[in-house]
Amino acid sequence: MKKFCQRIGGFKKALQRTVEDWLAAAGASLVTYGVYQIYIPAGWITAGVFLLITAVLWSRGMAGEGQ
């Protein structure tokens, strides 16, 4: 039981570190899906824009420029 509780604690810490990323990904997915429902090509463009923004933010974070 102790080992199980330690693993759950580790999972909670990992989730707390990444919750903002998961929420941003979910929000981008929902916005893209909503645009896709209105006009299909615009949904693909929206998805591409979100991926470009994600790539820029991720590269800045990896290079240490975002701090």
Protein backbone atom coordinates (compact mmCIF):
# COMPACT_ATOMS: atom_id res chain seq x y z
CA MET A 1 0.00 0.00 0.00
CA LYS A 2 2.86 2.36 0.79
CA LYS A 3 4.37 1.89 -2.67
CA PHE A 4 0.97 2.57 -4.25
CA CYS A 5 0.63 5.84 -2.31
CA GLN A 6 4.13 6.88 -3.38
CA ARG A 7 3.27 6.29 -7.02
CA ILE A 8 0.04 8.26 -6.69
CA GLY A 9 2.00 11.11 -5.08
CA GLY A 10 4.47 11.09 -7.97
CA PHE A 11 1.59 11.18 -10.45
CA LYS A 12 0.02 14.14 -8.65
CA LYS A 13 3.30 16.07 -8.78
CA ALA A 14 3.73 15.36 -12.48
CA LEU A 15 0.14 16.42 -13.14
CA GLN A 16 0.60 19.66 -11.20
CA ARG A 17 3.68 20.51 -13.27
CA THR A 18 1.88 19.97 -16.58
CA VAL A 19 -1.72 20.97 -15.90
CA GLU A 20 -1.33 24.32 -17.72
CA ASP A 21 -0.04 22.55 -20.82
CA TRP A 22 -2.92 20.07 -20.80
CA LEU A 23 -5.46 22.87 -20.41
CA ALA A 24 -3.90 24.85 -23.25
CA ALA A 25 -3.94 21.79 -25.51
CA ALA A 26 -7.56 21.06 -24.65
CA GLY A 27 -8.55 24.68 -25.27
CA ALA A 28 -6.77 24.79 -28.62
CA SER A 29 -8.42 21.52 -29.62
CA LEU A 30 -11.88 22.77 -28.71
CA VAL A 31 -11.42 26.07 -30.55
CA THR A 32 -10.13 24.23 -33.62
CA TYR A 33 -13.06 21.81 -33.52
CA GLY A 34 -15.54 24.69 -33.20
CA VAL A 35 -14.04 26.50 -36.19
CA TYR A 36 -14.00 23.18 -38.10
CA GLN A 37 -17.74 22.83 -37.48
CA ILE A 38 -18.39 26.24 -39.02
CA TYR A 39 -16.06 26.01 -42.02
CA ILE A 40 -13.83 22.98 -42.57
CA PRO A 41 -10.82 24.67 -44.28
CA ALA A 42 -10.71 27.31 -41.55
CA GLY A 43 -10.51 24.52 -38.98
CA TRP A 44 -7.37 23.16 -40.63
CA ILE A 45 -5.86 26.65 -40.79
CA THR A 46 -6.66 27.19 -37.09
CA ALA A 47 -5.00 23.88 -36.20
CA GLY A 48 -1.89 24.89 -38.16
CA VAL A 49 -1.73 28.27 -36.43
CA PHE A 50 -2.01 26.65 -33.01
CA LEU A 51 0.76 24.20 -33.92
CA LEU A 52 3.02 27.04 -35.08
CA ILE A 53 2.37 28.97 -31.86
CA THR A 54 3.11 25.82 -29.83
CA ALA A 55 6.36 25.25 -31.72
CA VAL A 56 7.53 28.83 -31.09
CA LEU A 57 6.65 28.70 -27.39
CA TRP A 58 8.27 25.30 -26.99
CA SER A 59 11.48 26.36 -28.76
CA ARG A 60 11.72 29.48 -26.60
CA GLY A 61 11.26 27.38 -23.49
CA MET A 62 13.90 24.89 -24.61
CA ALA A 63 16.36 27.70 -25.37
CA GLY A 64 15.65 29.43 -22.06
CA GLU A 65 14.41 32.63 -23.70
CA GLY A 66 10.99 32.49 -22.06
CA GLN A 67 12.26 33.27 -18.56
